[in-house]
Amino acid sequence: MTKIVAILLFLIAAIQVIKPLGWPGLKKRADAWKLVAGVVCVTFASLVLSALFQGA
């Protein structure tokens, strides 16, 4: 599931670089870093959660 979300957000970031989406906070091409930062946060959170529940 995490890989699907990461791939989806990376695809949205690629689209943002090609043609800005116009969403709030994503008006310019240079705002694609915000989407990539979101991918990193989601991936990190999923790693932490899976590590927490691994021992349970």
N, C-alpha and C. Protein backbone atom coordinates (compact mmCIF):
# COMPACT_ATOMS: atom_id res chain seq x y z
N MET A 1 0.83 -1.20 0.00
CA MET A 1 0.00 0.00 0.00
C MET A 1 0.87 1.26 0.00
N THR A 2 1.94 1.24 0.77
CA THR A 2 2.82 2.40 0.85
C THR A 2 3.48 2.68 -0.49
N LYS A 3 3.87 1.61 -1.18
CA LYS A 3 4.51 1.79 -2.48
C LYS A 3 3.55 2.42 -3.48
N ILE A 4 2.29 2.04 -3.41
CA ILE A 4 1.29 2.60 -4.32
C ILE A 4 1.13 4.10 -4.05
N VAL A 5 1.05 4.48 -2.79
CA VAL A 5 0.91 5.89 -2.43
C VAL A 5 2.14 6.68 -2.86
N ALA A 6 3.32 6.11 -2.64
CA ALA A 6 4.55 6.80 -3.02
C ALA A 6 4.63 6.98 -4.54
N ILE A 7 4.29 5.95 -5.28
CA ILE A 7 4.31 6.05 -6.75
C ILE A 7 3.29 7.08 -7.22
N LEU A 8 2.11 7.07 -6.63
CA LEU A 8 1.08 8.04 -7.00
C LEU A 8 1.55 9.47 -6.75
N LEU A 9 2.14 9.72 -5.58
CA LEU A 9 2.61 11.07 -5.27
C LEU A 9 3.79 11.48 -6.15
N PHE A 10 4.68 10.53 -6.49
CA PHE A 10 5.77 10.86 -7.41
C PHE A 10 5.23 11.20 -8.80
N LEU A 11 4.19 10.49 -9.24
CA LEU A 11 3.58 10.81 -10.53
C LEU A 11 2.94 12.19 -10.52
N ILE A 12 2.28 12.52 -9.42
CA ILE A 12 1.69 13.86 -9.30
C ILE A 12 2.78 14.91 -9.30
N ALA A 13 3.92 14.63 -8.64
CA ALA A 13 5.04 15.57 -8.63
C ALA A 13 5.59 15.75 -10.04
N ALA A 14 5.67 14.67 -10.81
CA ALA A 14 6.15 14.77 -12.20
C ALA A 14 5.20 15.60 -13.04
N ILE A 15 3.91 15.41 -12.84
CA ILE A 15 2.92 16.22 -13.57
C ILE A 15 3.06 17.68 -13.17
N GLN A 16 3.31 17.94 -11.89
CA GLN A 16 3.48 19.31 -11.39
C GLN A 16 4.65 20.00 -12.08
N VAL A 17 5.73 19.25 -12.35
CA VAL A 17 6.90 19.83 -13.01
C VAL A 17 6.56 20.16 -14.46
N ILE A 18 5.80 19.29 -15.12
CA ILE A 18 5.45 19.49 -16.53
C ILE A 18 4.42 20.62 -16.68
N LYS A 19 3.34 20.52 -15.93
CA LYS A 19 2.27 21.53 -15.99
C LYS A 19 1.73 21.70 -14.57
N PRO A 20 1.90 22.88 -13.99
CA PRO A 20 1.43 23.09 -12.62
C PRO A 20 -0.05 22.77 -12.45
N LEU A 21 -0.38 22.11 -11.35
CA LEU A 21 -1.73 21.65 -11.10
C LEU A 21 -2.69 22.78 -10.75
N GLY A 22 -2.17 23.83 -10.13
CA GLY A 22 -3.03 24.95 -9.75
C GLY A 22 -3.74 24.75 -8.42
N TRP A 23 -3.41 23.67 -7.71
CA TRP A 23 -4.01 23.43 -6.40
C TRP A 23 -3.43 24.44 -5.41
N PRO A 24 -4.13 24.71 -4.30
CA PRO A 24 -3.59 25.63 -3.31
C PRO A 24 -2.21 25.18 -2.83
N GLY A 25 -1.24 26.06 -2.94
CA GLY A 25 0.13 25.75 -2.55
C GLY A 25 0.95 25.12 -3.66
N LEU A 26 0.32 24.84 -4.79
CA LEU A 26 1.03 24.20 -5.92
C LEU A 26 0.78 24.99 -7.20
N LYS A 27 1.02 26.29 -7.14
CA LYS A 27 0.75 27.16 -8.29
C LYS A 27 1.92 27.21 -9.28
N LYS A 28 3.15 26.96 -8.80
CA LYS A 28 4.33 27.07 -9.66
C LYS A 28 4.96 25.70 -9.85
N ARG A 29 5.76 25.57 -10.91
CA ARG A 29 6.46 24.30 -11.17
C ARG A 29 7.44 23.97 -10.06
N ALA A 30 8.03 24.98 -9.48
CA ALA A 30 9.03 24.77 -8.43
C ALA A 30 8.42 24.22 -7.14
N ASP A 31 7.10 24.17 -7.05
CA ASP A 31 6.45 23.67 -5.84
C ASP A 31 6.37 22.14 -5.80
N ALA A 32 6.94 21.46 -6.78
CA ALA A 32 6.92 19.99 -6.80
C ALA A 32 7.66 19.41 -5.60
N TRP A 33 8.59 20.15 -5.02
CA TRP A 33 9.34 19.66 -3.86
C TRP A 33 8.40 19.37 -2.70
N LYS A 34 7.28 20.09 -2.61
CA LYS A 34 6.33 19.87 -1.52
C LYS A 34 5.71 18.48 -1.64
N LEU A 35 5.44 18.05 -2.86
CA LEU A 35 4.89 16.72 -3.07
C LEU A 35 5.93 15.65 -2.74
N VAL A 36 7.17 15.89 -3.12
CA VAL A 36 8.24 14.94 -2.83
C VAL A 36 8.45 14.86 -1.31
N ALA A 37 8.37 15.98 -0.63
CA ALA A 37 8.48 15.97 0.83
C ALA A 37 7.33 15.16 1.45
N GLY A 38 6.16 15.24 0.86
CA GLY A 38 5.03 14.44 1.32
C GLY A 38 5.29 12.95 1.16
N VAL A 39 5.90 12.57 0.04
CA VAL A 39 6.25 11.17 -0.18
C VAL A 39 7.23 10.69 0.88
N VAL A 40 8.22 11.52 1.18
CA VAL A 40 9.21 11.14 2.19
C VAL A 40 8.53 10.99 3.56
N CYS A 41 7.64 11.89 3.91
CA CYS A 41 6.95 11.82 5.20
C CYS A 41 6.06 10.58 5.29
N VAL A 42 5.32 10.27 4.23
CA VAL A 42 4.45 9.09 4.23
C VAL A 42 5.28 7.82 4.34
N THR A 43 6.38 7.76 3.62
CA THR A 43 7.24 6.58 3.67
C THR A 43 7.86 6.42 5.05
N PHE A 44 8.33 7.51 5.63
CA PHE A 44 8.93 7.45 6.96
C PHE A 44 7.89 7.03 8.00
N ALA A 45 6.69 7.59 7.92
CA ALA A 45 5.64 7.23 8.87
C ALA A 45 5.26 5.76 8.75
N SER A 46 5.20 5.25 7.53
CA SER A 46 4.85 3.84 7.37
C SER A 46 5.96 2.94 7.90
N LEU A 47 7.22 3.35 7.73
CA LEU A 47 8.32 2.55 8.28
C LEU A 47 8.27 2.53 9.81
N VAL A 48 7.99 3.66 10.41
CA VAL A 48 7.91 3.73 11.86
C VAL A 48 6.75 2.89 12.38
N LEU A 49 5.60 3.01 11.73
CA LEU A 49 4.44 2.24 12.17
C LEU A 49 4.65 0.74 12.00
N SER A 50 5.25 0.35 10.87
CA SER A 50 5.49 -1.08 10.68
C SER A 50 6.52 -1.60 11.68
N ALA A 51 7.50 -0.79 12.07
CA ALA A 51 8.47 -1.20 13.07
C ALA A 51 7.83 -1.32 14.44
N LEU A 52 6.90 -0.43 14.74
CA LEU A 52 6.22 -0.49 16.03
C LEU A 52 5.35 -1.74 16.15
N PHE A 53 4.66 -2.09 15.08
CA PHE A 53 3.75 -3.22 15.13
C PHE A 53 4.41 -4.55 14.78
N GLN A 54 5.67 -4.50 14.39
CA GLN A 54 6.42 -5.72 14.06
C GLN A 54 6.61 -6.57 15.31
N GLY A 55 6.91 -5.93 16.41
CA GLY A 55 7.16 -6.67 17.64
C GLY A 55 5.90 -7.09 18.38
N ALA A 56 4.77 -6.54 18.03
CA ALA A 56 3.52 -6.83 18.76
C ALA A 56 2.92 -8.15 18.39
